[in-house]
N, C-alpha and C. Protein backbone atom coordinates (compact mmCIF):
# COMPACT_ATOMS: atom_id res chain seq x y z
N UNK A 1 13.75 -16.33 8.74
CA UNK A 1 14.18 -14.85 8.56
C UNK A 1 12.93 -13.93 8.98
N UNK A 2 13.28 -12.91 9.92
CA UNK A 2 11.83 -11.94 10.11
C UNK A 2 11.73 -11.29 9.92
N UNK A 3 10.65 -10.10 9.13
CA UNK A 3 10.25 -9.29 8.42
C UNK A 3 9.19 -8.40 9.76
N UNK A 4 9.72 -7.17 9.44
CA UNK A 4 9.27 -6.40 9.66
C UNK A 4 8.15 -5.41 8.86
N UNK A 5 7.13 -5.48 8.85
CA UNK A 5 5.79 -4.48 7.83
C UNK A 5 5.60 -3.27 8.34
N UNK A 6 5.64 -2.65 7.54
CA UNK A 6 4.62 -0.92 8.45
C UNK A 6 4.03 -0.13 6.80
N UNK A 7 2.91 0.10 7.57
CA UNK A 7 2.15 0.46 6.48
C UNK A 7 1.34 1.48 6.93
N UNK A 8 1.42 2.81 6.31
CA UNK A 8 1.42 4.20 6.78
C UNK A 8 0.82 4.94 5.81
N UNK A 9 1.14 4.50 4.52
CA UNK A 9 0.35 5.46 3.31
C UNK A 9 -0.99 5.95 3.26
N UNK A 10 -2.07 5.31 3.80
CA UNK A 10 -3.26 5.81 3.41
C UNK A 10 -4.20 5.74 4.87
N UNK A 11 -5.11 5.89 5.38
CA UNK A 11 -5.78 6.24 6.37
C UNK A 11 -5.31 4.90 7.50
N UNK A 12 -5.32 3.98 7.60
CA UNK A 12 -4.90 3.43 8.07
C UNK A 12 -3.50 2.99 8.34
N UNK A 13 -3.33 2.60 9.44
CA UNK A 13 -1.70 2.41 10.10
C UNK A 13 -1.69 1.09 10.48
N UNK A 14 -0.44 0.55 10.01
CA UNK A 14 -0.65 -1.06 10.23
C UNK A 14 0.95 -1.26 10.29
N UNK A 15 1.20 -2.34 11.44
CA UNK A 15 2.60 -3.32 11.19
C UNK A 15 1.85 -4.45 11.62
N UNK A 16 3.19 -5.39 11.13
CA UNK A 16 2.63 -6.51 11.24
C UNK A 16 4.38 -7.57 11.19
N UNK A 17 4.68 -8.30 11.70
CA UNK A 17 6.19 -9.32 12.62
C UNK A 17 6.12 -10.49 11.78
N UNK A 18 6.56 -11.19 10.94
CA UNK A 18 6.39 -12.46 10.02
C UNK A 18 7.78 -13.10 9.92
N UNK A 19 7.60 -14.47 10.35
CA UNK A 19 8.46 -15.07 10.26
C UNK A 19 8.28 -16.03 8.96
N UNK A 20 9.46 -15.91 8.39
CA UNK A 20 9.17 -16.10 6.94
C UNK A 20 7.53 -16.12 6.30
N UNK A 21 6.81 -16.57 5.86
CA UNK A 21 5.33 -16.36 5.33
C UNK A 21 4.44 -16.52 6.43
N UNK A 22 4.62 -16.77 7.83
CA UNK A 22 4.22 -17.16 8.46
C UNK A 22 3.93 -15.66 9.50
N UNK A 23 2.50 -15.19 10.09
CA UNK A 23 1.99 -14.54 11.07
C UNK A 23 2.56 -14.12 12.12
N UNK A 24 3.64 -13.47 12.56
CA UNK A 24 3.43 -13.54 14.41
C UNK A 24 2.82 -12.78 15.29
N UNK A 25 2.25 -11.61 14.46
CA UNK A 25 1.57 -10.77 14.99
C UNK A 25 1.32 -9.48 14.01
N UNK A 26 0.45 -8.70 14.51
CA UNK A 26 0.02 -7.41 13.40
C UNK A 26 -0.81 -6.83 14.12
N UNK A 27 -0.80 -5.17 14.04
CA UNK A 27 -1.73 -4.08 14.76
C UNK A 27 -1.92 -3.82 13.49
N UNK A 28 -3.18 -3.32 13.27
CA UNK A 28 -3.79 -2.60 12.23
C UNK A 28 -5.60 -1.81 12.79
N UNK A 29 -5.03 -0.24 12.70
CA UNK A 29 -6.01 0.97 13.17
C UNK A 29 -6.27 1.69 12.12
N UNK A 30 -7.28 1.72 12.07
CA UNK A 30 -7.15 3.59 10.70
C UNK A 30 -7.25 4.77 11.54
N UNK A 31 -6.43 5.09 11.36
CA UNK A 31 -5.89 6.73 12.78
C UNK A 31 -5.88 7.99 11.86
N UNK A 32 -6.19 8.21 10.48
CA UNK A 32 -6.63 9.24 9.78
C UNK A 32 -5.28 9.87 9.58
N UNK A 33 -4.95 11.11 10.40
CA UNK A 33 -3.71 11.56 10.42
C UNK A 33 -2.94 11.20 11.33
N UNK A 34 -3.01 10.29 12.14
CA UNK A 34 -2.39 10.26 13.84
C UNK A 34 -1.27 9.33 13.61
N UNK A 35 -0.26 8.72 11.69
CA UNK A 35 0.35 7.96 11.95
C UNK A 35 2.09 8.10 12.48
N UNK A 36 1.97 9.43 12.67
CA UNK A 36 3.26 9.96 13.55
C UNK A 36 3.21 9.36 15.25
N UNK A 37 2.13 9.60 15.63
CA UNK A 37 2.18 9.53 17.06
C UNK A 37 1.84 7.96 17.32
N UNK A 38 1.95 7.38 16.55
CA UNK A 38 0.89 5.79 16.46
C UNK A 38 2.09 4.39 15.79
N UNK A 39 2.64 5.51 14.96
CA UNK A 39 3.48 3.91 14.36
C UNK A 39 4.48 3.14 15.30
N UNK A 40 5.60 4.11 16.15
CA UNK A 40 6.85 3.62 16.93
C UNK A 40 5.47 2.53 17.92
N UNK A 41 4.33 3.31 18.80
CA UNK A 41 4.49 2.63 19.96
C UNK A 41 3.62 1.26 19.32
N UNK A 42 2.84 1.42 17.71
CA UNK A 42 2.41 0.22 17.72
C UNK A 42 3.77 -0.98 17.52
N UNK A 43 4.71 -0.54 16.93
CA UNK A 43 5.94 -1.61 16.83
C UNK A 43 6.45 -1.94 18.15
N UNK A 44 6.63 -1.33 18.94
CA UNK A 44 7.20 -1.51 20.38
C UNK A 44 6.31 -2.94 20.97
N UNK A 45 4.64 -2.71 20.52
CA UNK A 45 3.97 -3.63 20.95
C UNK A 45 4.21 -4.86 20.24
N UNK A 46 4.43 -4.92 19.38
CA UNK A 46 4.96 -6.62 18.68
C UNK A 46 5.93 -7.05 19.63
N UNK A 47 5.96 -8.46 19.32
CA UNK A 47 7.12 -9.67 19.72
C UNK A 47 8.20 -8.85 19.48
N UNK A 48 9.54 -8.83 20.37
CA UNK A 48 10.53 -8.86 20.34
C UNK A 48 10.63 -7.09 19.91
N UNK A 49 9.92 -6.19 20.14
CA UNK A 49 9.46 -5.18 20.15
C UNK A 49 9.72 -4.81 18.66
N UNK A 50 9.38 -5.99 17.70
CA UNK A 50 9.26 -5.62 16.16
C UNK A 50 10.79 -5.90 15.42
N UNK A 51 11.50 -5.77 16.36
CA UNK A 51 12.90 -6.19 15.89
C UNK A 51 13.16 -7.50 14.99
N UNK A 52 13.55 -7.44 14.00
CA UNK A 52 13.40 -8.04 12.74
C UNK A 52 14.50 -8.64 11.89
N UNK A 53 15.02 -9.18 11.02
CA UNK A 53 16.07 -9.43 10.22
C UNK A 53 16.01 -8.24 8.94
N UNK A 54 14.89 -8.13 8.65
CA UNK A 54 14.71 -7.08 7.60
C UNK A 54 13.26 -6.02 7.13
N UNK A 55 13.31 -4.87 7.08
CA UNK A 55 12.33 -3.98 7.29
C UNK A 55 11.62 -3.83 5.38
N UNK A 56 10.01 -4.48 5.72
CA UNK A 56 9.33 -3.74 4.69
C UNK A 56 8.58 -2.42 4.67
N UNK A 57 8.59 -1.42 3.73
CA UNK A 57 7.95 -0.56 4.36
C UNK A 57 6.75 -0.14 3.11
N UNK A 58 5.80 0.53 3.02
CA UNK A 58 4.56 0.65 1.81
C UNK A 58 5.36 2.26 1.85
N UNK A 59 5.70 2.45 0.69
CA UNK A 59 6.34 3.62 -0.16
C UNK A 59 4.85 4.42 -0.74
N UNK A 60 4.19 4.10 -0.97
CA UNK A 60 2.81 4.50 -1.79
C UNK A 60 2.31 3.78 -2.73
N UNK A 61 1.80 4.65 -3.34
CA UNK A 61 1.14 5.78 -3.45
C UNK A 61 0.08 6.32 -2.33
N UNK A 62 -0.15 7.84 -1.89
CA UNK A 62 -0.85 8.12 -0.71
C UNK A 62 -0.53 8.78 -0.16
N UNK A 63 -1.15 9.09 1.00
CA UNK A 63 -0.97 10.53 2.04
C UNK A 63 0.48 10.72 2.02
N UNK A 64 0.62 11.96 1.61
CA UNK A 64 2.12 12.24 1.38
C UNK A 64 2.82 12.49 3.07
N UNK A 65 1.99 12.54 3.92
CA UNK A 65 3.10 12.44 5.06
C UNK A 65 2.86 11.24 5.72
N UNK A 66 1.87 10.51 5.97
CA UNK A 66 1.86 9.30 5.69
C UNK A 66 3.02 8.44 5.61
N UNK A 67 3.03 8.99 4.35
CA UNK A 67 4.18 8.08 3.23
C UNK A 67 5.46 8.16 3.54
N UNK A 68 5.74 9.55 4.15
CA UNK A 68 7.21 10.02 4.83
C UNK A 68 7.55 9.32 6.24
N UNK A 69 6.52 9.45 7.38
CA UNK A 69 6.41 9.01 8.36
C UNK A 69 6.72 7.67 8.40
N UNK A 70 6.26 6.59 7.18
CA UNK A 70 6.51 5.53 7.41
C UNK A 70 7.81 5.30 7.11
N UNK A 71 8.61 5.96 6.09
CA UNK A 71 9.51 6.17 5.37
C UNK A 71 10.57 5.73 6.46
N UNK A 72 10.09 7.27 7.53
CA UNK A 72 11.58 7.78 8.29
C UNK A 72 11.77 6.97 9.29
N UNK A 73 10.77 6.05 9.22
CA UNK A 73 10.64 5.13 10.80
C UNK A 73 11.41 4.08 10.42
N UNK A 74 11.09 3.35 8.82
CA UNK A 74 11.93 2.05 8.81
C UNK A 74 13.36 2.03 8.65
N UNK A 75 13.59 4.09 7.93
CA UNK A 75 15.29 3.93 7.44
C UNK A 75 15.89 4.13 9.08
N UNK A 76 15.35 4.33 9.88
CA UNK A 76 15.88 4.62 10.97
C UNK A 76 15.66 3.77 12.02
N UNK A 77 15.14 2.99 12.09
CA UNK A 77 14.98 1.01 12.41
C UNK A 77 16.47 0.76 11.85
N UNK A 78 16.15 0.61 10.25
CA UNK A 78 17.17 -0.22 9.88
C UNK A 78 18.30 0.08 10.12
N UNK A 79 18.87 1.31 9.91
CA UNK A 79 19.93 1.99 10.48
C UNK A 79 20.54 1.75 11.98
N UNK A 80 19.31 1.45 12.84
CA UNK A 80 19.70 1.14 14.53
C UNK A 80 19.99 -0.56 14.12
N UNK A 81 19.01 -1.23 13.65
CA UNK A 81 19.44 -2.87 13.83
C UNK A 81 20.50 -3.23 12.65
N UNK A 82 20.81 -2.69 11.99
CA UNK A 82 22.08 -2.90 10.82
C UNK A 82 21.27 -4.07 10.07
N UNK A 83 19.67 -3.70 9.11
CA UNK A 83 19.14 -4.50 8.48
C UNK A 83 18.80 -3.64 7.25
N UNK A 84 18.17 -4.77 6.51
CA UNK A 84 17.99 -4.04 4.86
C UNK A 84 16.78 -3.27 5.12
N UNK A 85 16.56 -2.27 4.17
CA UNK A 85 15.13 -1.90 4.09
C UNK A 85 14.92 -1.48 3.02
N UNK A 86 13.64 -2.20 2.50
CA UNK A 86 12.59 -2.18 1.10
C UNK A 86 11.21 -1.91 1.35
N UNK A 87 10.94 -1.41 -0.13
CA UNK A 87 9.64 -1.07 -0.10
C UNK A 87 8.23 -2.07 -1.05
N UNK A 88 7.52 -1.86 -1.12
CA UNK A 88 6.18 -1.96 -1.59
C UNK A 88 5.28 -1.05 -2.34
N UNK A 89 4.77 -1.16 -2.71
CA UNK A 89 3.74 -0.31 -3.51
C UNK A 89 1.80 -0.78 -2.89
N UNK A 90 1.52 0.05 -2.20
CA UNK A 90 -0.10 0.31 -1.83
C UNK A 90 -1.16 -0.75 -2.43
N UNK A 91 -1.13 -0.21 -3.60
CA UNK A 91 -1.63 -0.75 -4.68
C UNK A 91 -1.41 -2.51 -5.37
N UNK A 92 -0.38 -2.75 -5.34
CA UNK A 92 -0.12 -4.01 -5.36
C UNK A 92 -0.45 -4.67 -4.65
N UNK A 93 -0.10 -4.16 -3.18
CA UNK A 93 -0.49 -4.95 -1.80
C UNK A 93 -1.92 -5.68 -1.79
N UNK A 94 -2.96 -4.16 -2.31
CA UNK A 94 -4.28 -4.63 -2.21
C UNK A 94 -4.75 -5.58 -3.32
N UNK A 95 -3.90 -5.61 -4.56
CA UNK A 95 -4.24 -6.75 -5.59
C UNK A 95 -4.01 -7.60 -5.20
N UNK A 96 -2.29 -8.07 -4.46
CA UNK A 96 -1.93 -9.64 -4.19
C UNK A 96 -3.16 -10.04 -2.94
N UNK A 97 -3.48 -9.25 -1.94
CA UNK A 97 -4.46 -9.64 -1.18
C UNK A 97 -5.74 -10.25 -1.17
N UNK A 98 -6.23 -9.18 -2.72
CA UNK A 98 -7.42 -9.92 -3.13
C UNK A 98 -7.23 -11.55 -4.45
N UNK A 99 -6.30 -11.79 -4.93
CA UNK A 99 -6.25 -12.40 -5.57
C UNK A 99 -5.59 -13.38 -4.80
N UNK A 100 -5.30 -13.44 -3.60
CA UNK A 100 -5.21 -14.92 -2.34
C UNK A 100 -6.50 -15.34 -1.88
N UNK A 101 -7.83 -14.70 -2.22
CA UNK A 101 -8.71 -14.70 -1.85
C UNK A 101 -9.61 -16.20 -2.60
N UNK A 102 -10.09 -17.01 -1.78
CA UNK A 102 -10.76 -18.16 -2.67
C UNK A 102 -12.08 -17.81 -3.58
N UNK A 103 -11.62 -17.69 -4.85
CA UNK A 103 -12.87 -17.79 -5.94
C UNK A 103 -12.22 -16.34 -6.82
N UNK A 104 -11.32 -15.85 -6.38
CA UNK A 104 -10.88 -13.78 -6.99
C UNK A 104 -10.64 -14.19 -8.60
N UNK A 105 -11.05 -12.66 -8.99
CA UNK A 105 -11.04 -12.93 -10.69
C UNK A 105 -9.86 -12.92 -10.99
N UNK A 106 -9.38 -12.96 -12.28
CA UNK A 106 -7.95 -12.91 -12.42
C UNK A 106 -7.10 -11.53 -12.87
N UNK A 107 -8.31 -11.09 -12.73
CA UNK A 107 -7.73 -9.14 -12.96
C UNK A 107 -8.81 -8.33 -11.96
N UNK A 108 -7.93 -7.35 -11.33
CA UNK A 108 -8.46 -6.52 -10.69
C UNK A 108 -8.24 -5.04 -10.87
N UNK A 109 -8.29 -3.82 -10.99
CA UNK A 109 -8.18 -2.59 -10.56
C UNK A 109 -8.00 -2.26 -9.05
N UNK A 110 -7.08 -1.48 -8.67
CA UNK A 110 -7.14 -0.99 -7.58
C UNK A 110 -7.27 0.51 -7.49
N UNK A 111 -7.87 1.55 -6.87
CA UNK A 111 -7.98 2.63 -6.74
C UNK A 111 -8.16 3.10 -5.41
N UNK A 112 -7.26 4.53 -4.80
CA UNK A 112 -7.16 4.93 -3.65
C UNK A 112 -7.16 6.50 -3.53
N UNK A 113 -7.92 6.55 -3.02
CA UNK A 113 -8.24 7.91 -2.89
C UNK A 113 -6.77 9.29 -3.06
N UNK A 114 -6.76 9.70 -3.84
CA UNK A 114 -5.54 10.85 -3.60
C UNK A 114 -6.20 12.18 -3.47
N UNK A 115 -5.18 13.01 -3.80
CA UNK A 115 -5.48 14.58 -3.37
C UNK A 115 -6.29 15.04 -4.89
N UNK A 116 -6.68 16.48 -4.67
CA UNK A 116 -7.54 17.42 -5.65
C UNK A 116 -8.51 16.72 -6.17
N UNK A 117 -9.54 15.71 -5.50
CA UNK A 117 -10.26 14.95 -6.31
C UNK A 117 -9.79 13.70 -7.16
N UNK A 118 -8.77 13.46 -7.27
CA UNK A 118 -7.92 12.22 -8.05
C UNK A 118 -8.34 11.46 -7.70
N UNK A 119 -7.84 10.16 -8.17
CA UNK A 119 -7.89 8.87 -7.83
C UNK A 119 -6.75 8.23 -8.43
N UNK A 120 -5.76 7.48 -7.28
CA UNK A 120 -4.50 6.54 -7.60
C UNK A 120 -4.97 5.65 -8.05
N UNK A 121 -4.45 5.10 -9.48
CA UNK A 121 -5.33 3.71 -9.94
C UNK A 121 -4.19 2.91 -10.48
N UNK A 122 -4.73 1.76 -10.96
CA UNK A 122 -3.57 0.84 -11.45
C UNK A 122 -4.13 -0.70 -11.41
N UNK A 123 -4.07 -1.03 -12.41
CA UNK A 123 -4.36 -2.77 -12.91
C UNK A 123 -3.62 -3.82 -12.68
N UNK A 124 -4.29 -5.22 -12.19
CA UNK A 124 -3.11 -6.18 -11.98
C UNK A 124 -3.38 -7.31 -12.75
N UNK A 125 -3.00 -8.24 -12.86
CA UNK A 125 -2.95 -9.66 -13.25
C UNK A 125 -3.14 -10.49 -12.34
N UNK A 126 -3.22 -11.90 -12.27
CA UNK A 126 -3.55 -12.65 -11.32
C UNK A 126 -2.13 -13.74 -11.22
N UNK A 127 -1.86 -13.99 -12.59
CA UNK A 127 -1.17 -15.58 -13.36
C UNK A 127 -0.50 -15.10 -14.19
N UNK A 128 0.64 -14.89 -14.32
CA UNK A 128 1.25 -14.37 -13.04
C UNK A 128 1.01 -13.20 -12.47
N UNK A 129 1.64 -12.81 -11.18
CA UNK A 129 0.84 -11.67 -10.63
C UNK A 129 1.96 -10.59 -11.26
N UNK A 130 1.10 -9.96 -12.13
CA UNK A 130 1.62 -8.50 -12.40
C UNK A 130 0.85 -7.16 -12.83
N UNK A 131 1.78 -6.31 -13.03
CA UNK A 131 0.76 -4.90 -13.39
C UNK A 131 0.46 -5.34 -14.72
N UNK A 132 -0.53 -4.49 -15.19
CA UNK A 132 -1.17 -4.52 -16.26
C UNK A 132 -1.98 -3.14 -17.07
N UNK A 133 -1.53 -2.35 -16.20
CA UNK A 133 -1.63 -0.59 -16.32
C UNK A 133 -0.29 0.26 -15.87
N UNK A 134 0.05 1.43 -15.88
CA UNK A 134 0.81 1.96 -14.97
C UNK A 134 0.21 2.70 -13.92
N UNK A 135 0.66 3.06 -13.13
CA UNK A 135 0.10 3.64 -11.89
C UNK A 135 -0.34 5.21 -12.76
N UNK A 136 -1.27 5.70 -12.53
CA UNK A 136 -1.64 7.05 -12.45
C UNK A 136 -2.43 7.50 -11.23
N UNK A 137 -2.68 8.91 -11.31
CA UNK A 137 -3.37 9.83 -11.02
C UNK A 137 -4.55 10.51 -11.44
N UNK A 138 -5.72 9.90 -11.82
CA UNK A 138 -6.56 10.46 -12.65
C UNK A 138 -7.93 10.95 -12.07
N UNK A 139 -8.57 11.79 -12.31
CA UNK A 139 -9.92 12.43 -12.21
C UNK A 139 -10.58 11.28 -12.37
N UNK A 140 -12.32 10.85 -10.95
CA UNK A 140 -13.21 9.84 -11.76
C UNK A 140 -13.40 9.88 -13.17
N UNK A 141 -14.08 10.87 -13.78
CA UNK A 141 -14.52 10.18 -15.03
C UNK A 141 -13.41 9.96 -15.64
N UNK A 142 -12.04 10.31 -15.56
CA UNK A 142 -11.06 9.65 -16.45
C UNK A 142 -10.46 8.31 -16.29
N UNK A 143 -10.70 7.93 -14.97
CA UNK A 143 -9.86 6.78 -14.45
C UNK A 143 -11.15 6.00 -14.96
N UNK A 144 -12.48 6.10 -14.75
CA UNK A 144 -13.76 5.40 -15.06
C UNK A 144 -13.53 4.85 -16.81
N UNK A 145 -13.13 5.67 -17.23
CA UNK A 145 -12.84 5.34 -19.37
C UNK A 145 -11.70 4.82 -19.08
N UNK A 146 -10.67 4.51 -18.53
CA UNK A 146 -9.58 3.72 -18.59
C UNK A 146 -9.18 2.66 -18.12
N UNK A 147 -9.99 2.17 -17.13
CA UNK A 147 -10.19 0.91 -15.91
C UNK A 147 -11.01 0.31 -16.41
N UNK A 148 -11.33 -0.86 -16.56
CA UNK A 148 -12.34 -1.70 -17.11
C UNK A 148 -12.55 -3.13 -16.38
N UNK A 149 -11.68 -3.16 -15.41
CA UNK A 149 -11.94 -4.43 -14.64
C UNK A 149 -12.84 -4.68 -13.98
N UNK A 150 -13.93 -5.97 -14.02
CA UNK A 150 -14.83 -5.38 -12.96
C UNK A 150 -14.68 -5.32 -11.76
N UNK A 151 -13.75 -5.54 -11.09
CA UNK A 151 -13.65 -5.75 -9.49
C UNK A 151 -12.52 -4.30 -9.23
N UNK A 152 -13.19 -4.18 -8.59
CA UNK A 152 -11.78 -2.58 -8.05
C UNK A 152 -12.23 -2.58 -6.56
N UNK A 153 -10.52 -2.24 -6.07
CA UNK A 153 -10.64 -2.79 -4.64
C UNK A 153 -10.18 -1.38 -3.92
N UNK A 154 -10.32 -0.78 -2.83
CA UNK A 154 -9.53 0.45 -2.53
C UNK A 154 -10.34 1.11 -2.04
N UNK A 155 -9.94 2.32 -1.33
CA UNK A 155 -10.86 3.41 -0.50
C UNK A 155 -11.15 4.34 -1.80
N UNK A 156 -10.71 4.27 -2.83
CA UNK A 156 -11.40 5.11 -4.07
C UNK A 156 -12.12 4.04 -5.00
N UNK A 157 -12.51 2.83 -4.55
CA UNK A 157 -13.53 1.89 -5.39
C UNK A 157 -14.60 2.21 -5.34
N UNK A 158 -15.18 3.01 -4.57
CA UNK A 158 -16.77 3.18 -4.44
C UNK A 158 -17.18 4.42 -5.67
N UNK A 159 -16.17 5.42 -5.93
CA UNK A 159 -16.10 6.48 -6.38
C UNK A 159 -15.84 6.13 -7.76
N UNK A 160 -15.00 5.27 -8.10
CA UNK A 160 -14.92 4.79 -9.58
C UNK A 160 -16.01 3.84 -10.02
N UNK A 161 -16.39 2.84 -8.96
CA UNK A 161 -17.43 2.61 -9.84
C UNK A 161 -18.77 3.48 -10.03
N UNK A 162 -18.67 4.25 -9.01
CA UNK A 162 -20.28 5.32 -8.89
C UNK A 162 -19.82 5.92 -10.65
N UNK A 163 -18.84 6.53 -11.09
CA UNK A 163 -18.36 7.22 -12.15
C UNK A 163 -18.22 6.41 -13.36
N UNK A 164 -18.41 4.84 -13.27
CA UNK A 164 -18.32 3.95 -14.34
C UNK A 164 -19.78 3.85 -14.37
N UNK A 165 -20.47 3.51 -13.86
CA UNK A 165 -22.10 2.77 -13.39
C UNK A 165 -21.81 1.81 -13.75
N UNK A 166 -20.99 0.54 -13.16
CA UNK A 166 -20.86 -0.86 -13.69
C UNK A 166 -20.05 -1.25 -12.55
N UNK A 167 -19.50 -2.52 -12.35
CA UNK A 167 -18.64 -3.16 -11.84
C UNK A 167 -19.00 -3.53 -10.03
N UNK A 168 -18.02 -4.35 -9.40
CA UNK A 168 -18.60 -4.28 -8.07
C UNK A 168 -16.76 -3.35 -7.10
N UNK A 169 -17.30 -3.06 -6.21
CA UNK A 169 -16.67 -1.73 -5.75
C UNK A 169 -16.29 -2.50 -3.73
N UNK A 170 -14.79 -2.43 -3.81
CA UNK A 170 -14.67 -2.79 -2.25
C UNK A 170 -13.44 -2.29 -1.73
N UNK A 171 -14.57 -1.83 -0.70
CA UNK A 171 -13.89 -0.48 0.03
C UNK A 171 -12.75 -0.84 1.01
N UNK A 172 -11.62 -1.13 0.78
CA UNK A 172 -10.29 -1.60 1.81
C UNK A 172 -9.48 -1.20 1.52
N UNK A 173 -8.57 -0.55 3.01
CA UNK A 173 -7.44 -0.30 2.90
C UNK A 173 -6.27 -1.01 3.02
N UNK A 174 -5.37 -0.99 2.21
CA UNK A 174 -3.83 -1.93 2.83
C UNK A 174 -3.49 -2.35 4.27
N UNK A 175 -3.03 -3.36 4.17
CA UNK A 175 -2.91 -3.80 5.58
C UNK A 175 -1.25 -4.79 5.84
N UNK A 176 -0.19 -4.15 6.88
CA UNK A 176 1.11 -4.86 6.61
C UNK A 176 0.72 -6.23 6.41
N UNK A 177 0.16 -6.89 7.25
CA UNK A 177 0.14 -8.24 7.33
C UNK A 177 -0.48 -8.83 6.16
N UNK A 178 -0.13 -8.41 5.02
CA UNK A 178 -0.98 -8.85 4.02
C UNK A 178 0.51 -9.14 3.07
N UNK A 179 1.67 -8.42 3.72
CA UNK A 179 2.96 -8.64 2.42
C UNK A 179 3.54 -9.97 2.14
N UNK A 180 2.99 -10.93 3.11
CA UNK A 180 3.30 -12.63 2.77
C UNK A 180 2.78 -12.83 1.27
N UNK A 181 1.15 -11.98 1.17
CA UNK A 181 0.79 -12.53 -0.69
C UNK A 181 1.89 -11.62 -1.54
N UNK A 182 2.66 -11.37 -1.58
CA UNK A 182 3.51 -10.11 -2.62
C UNK A 182 4.66 -10.91 -2.75
N UNK A 183 4.60 -11.00 -3.98
CA UNK A 183 6.30 -11.92 -4.71
C UNK A 183 7.71 -11.08 -4.53
N UNK A 184 8.74 -11.57 -4.41
CA UNK A 184 9.90 -10.84 -4.33
C UNK A 184 9.97 -9.88 -5.27
N UNK A 185 9.83 -9.92 -5.73
CA UNK A 185 9.65 -8.62 -7.19
C UNK A 185 9.19 -7.31 -6.89
N UNK A 186 7.76 -7.75 -6.03
CA UNK A 186 7.23 -6.70 -5.15
C UNK A 186 7.42 -5.95 -4.16
N UNK A 187 8.63 -6.91 -3.74
CA UNK A 187 9.03 -6.48 -2.31
C UNK A 187 10.57 -6.33 -2.08
N UNK A 188 10.88 -5.70 -3.51
CA UNK A 188 12.21 -5.33 -3.39
C UNK A 188 12.13 -3.65 -4.20
N UNK A 189 11.48 -2.66 -3.75
CA UNK A 189 11.57 -1.80 -4.72
C UNK A 189 12.68 -0.98 -3.33
N UNK A 190 12.97 0.16 -3.97
CA UNK A 190 13.66 1.24 -3.13
C UNK A 190 12.98 1.70 -2.09
N UNK A 191 13.80 2.27 -0.76
CA UNK A 191 12.62 2.81 0.29
C UNK A 191 12.37 3.84 -0.08
N UNK A 192 11.91 4.28 -1.39
CA UNK A 192 11.84 6.11 -1.67
C UNK A 192 10.26 6.35 -2.09
N UNK A 193 9.90 7.66 -1.58
CA UNK A 193 8.63 7.88 -2.11
C UNK A 193 7.53 7.51 -3.26
N UNK A 194 6.60 6.78 -3.38
CA UNK A 194 5.77 6.89 -4.96
C UNK A 194 4.61 7.80 -4.66
N UNK A 195 4.85 8.98 -4.81
CA UNK A 195 3.81 9.99 -5.01
C UNK A 195 2.60 9.80 -5.95
N UNK A 196 3.07 8.83 -7.18
CA UNK A 196 1.33 8.87 -7.92
C UNK A 196 1.10 10.35 -8.76
N UNK A 197 1.84 11.21 -8.49
CA UNK A 197 1.48 12.12 -9.16
C UNK A 197 2.42 13.47 -8.86
N UNK A 198 2.55 14.51 -9.87
CA UNK A 198 3.83 15.24 -9.69
C UNK A 198 3.32 16.34 -8.56
N UNK A 199 4.19 16.72 -7.80
CA UNK A 199 4.22 17.93 -7.27
C UNK A 199 3.42 19.38 -7.47
N UNK A 200 2.91 19.91 -6.35
CA UNK A 200 1.89 20.83 -6.94
C UNK A 200 2.25 22.20 -7.09
N UNK A 201 3.64 22.04 -6.17
CA UNK A 201 4.61 23.56 -6.22
C UNK A 201 5.43 23.40 -7.19
N UNK A 202 5.71 24.10 -8.52
CA UNK A 202 6.78 24.07 -9.10
C UNK A 202 7.84 25.36 -9.23
N UNK A 203 8.91 25.42 -9.74
CA UNK A 203 10.32 26.08 -9.41
C UNK A 203 9.07 27.25 -9.93
N UNK A 204 10.05 28.72 -10.01
CA UNK A 204 9.85 29.71 -10.75
C UNK A 204 10.61 29.44 -12.14
N UNK A 205 9.44 29.98 -13.28
CA UNK A 205 11.27 30.42 -14.17
C UNK A 205 11.73 31.03 -13.74
């Protein structure tokens, strides 16, 4: 079964076409805010123009605009191709990728740069792969007090480790090609946004 994976939740934009767990082709670019311009052309550059039996899309947390671009494209293609669309979490993808590497620790913390000076953070364990803390959006000092795992992965890792004054930071962005490292449980989320924090705008009283 072919899978098209879409990743637009961060400054990176990536797509991958997999046959089962075998990577057929992938494209990964750091585009900043250029997801809307690059995503569809990137998909069209894949074998079979990216056509697959199912679509996996990163639901967040991350960039509000990037998440919506990815979800809109995934839903449109799913409708056009008549295939299911499911989601995954950016933080889980980072953790699963780390655990796939030789010599990886059995626990990691993931941190992505969020809005208003906050970090999206969550911890994971390897065996079995699972969340060990809830997703949260925290100020660096608060995140440093709550996450104790030695290795921190993600675009917010250097900030968190600097605030904590201990640990190892690995600056990284999610990559669609790595969805093969996620178990079925973590690739069956509803294709809806995971924003990670409450909206800034609130209804009038």
